[in-house]
Amino acid sequence: MAGNISTPGASVVERALTILECFDLRHPALTLTEISEKSNLPVSTTKRLLAQLGRWGAVERLVDNRYRVGIRLWNIGIMAPQQRGIREAAMPMLYDLYGATQETVQLVVLDGRQALCVEKVAGPNSAPTSTEVGGHLPLHATAVGKCILAYSPKELVQEVINTGLTRVTPFSIVQPARLVAELRRIRQGGVAYSKEEMSVGAVSVAAPVLGPDDVLLGALGIVVRATKRVDHLAPAVITAARAIARFSG
């Protein structure tokens, strides 16, 4: 469930935000009943709030009576300073990397205890991935995610470990000590790898995007098929990540 705020003290804003939280890439369109169940709100309350959100443009009602997020939310979302700045700076680099490799290139930022994909460039010959712009990736099972973790405060690493290291594939790192050791190596080398830890048949390499005083801005990565070498792409990814950092300010 998106949240349990059916208590009388919950504000209208809290309830409206909980309704919006029901939508994600796996559930882009939902019925009134589904939204009510996921938000733990009465159907009548859900219907009233959806009507208000619809008038504002936060949600849209489809012809089959399902609801989806409205375009007005997207227009506001892309105004987020961190995402807008890093994305605008990264676009030329992403296209350059894709043009040189014809492989999937993606840019992520930290969002809670996950990596949020803010941009992706891929083509018909690129390694297939389940990642889409606006989608989330686990921090411990992806190269971009491990970059984020390696350059984040130790408290975040501990939170991720305490939450549980999910075995996404048979190759995922699920041992806390092993993850901590790998994060140490990433900081030492400035590059991270994921070897079929997120998707069997795909490997990736990533580098952190670091601002002034090594403040973490995000991570840039390339995904290729496991039959290909990925280590030789590391210098290009590192160079692109540094260029993005220079232009993000």
Foldseek 3Di string as FASTA:
>chain_A
DLDADQDPPDDLVNLLVSLQSLDDPVPQKAALVSSCVSSVYDSVSSVVSVVVCVVVQQWDQDPVRIIGGGVVVVVVVCPPLLLVLLVVLQVVLQVVLCVVPQEKKWWWFDDQQWTATQDIDHDPPYDDDPDDHRDTDHLQAAFQSLQNVLLDDVVSLVVSLVVFQDQQDPQTDGDSVVSVVQSVVCVVVQKGKHQCRNHPQKIKMKGFQAEPPRHTSGMMMTMHGNVDDHVVCHVSRHVSSPSSRVRSD
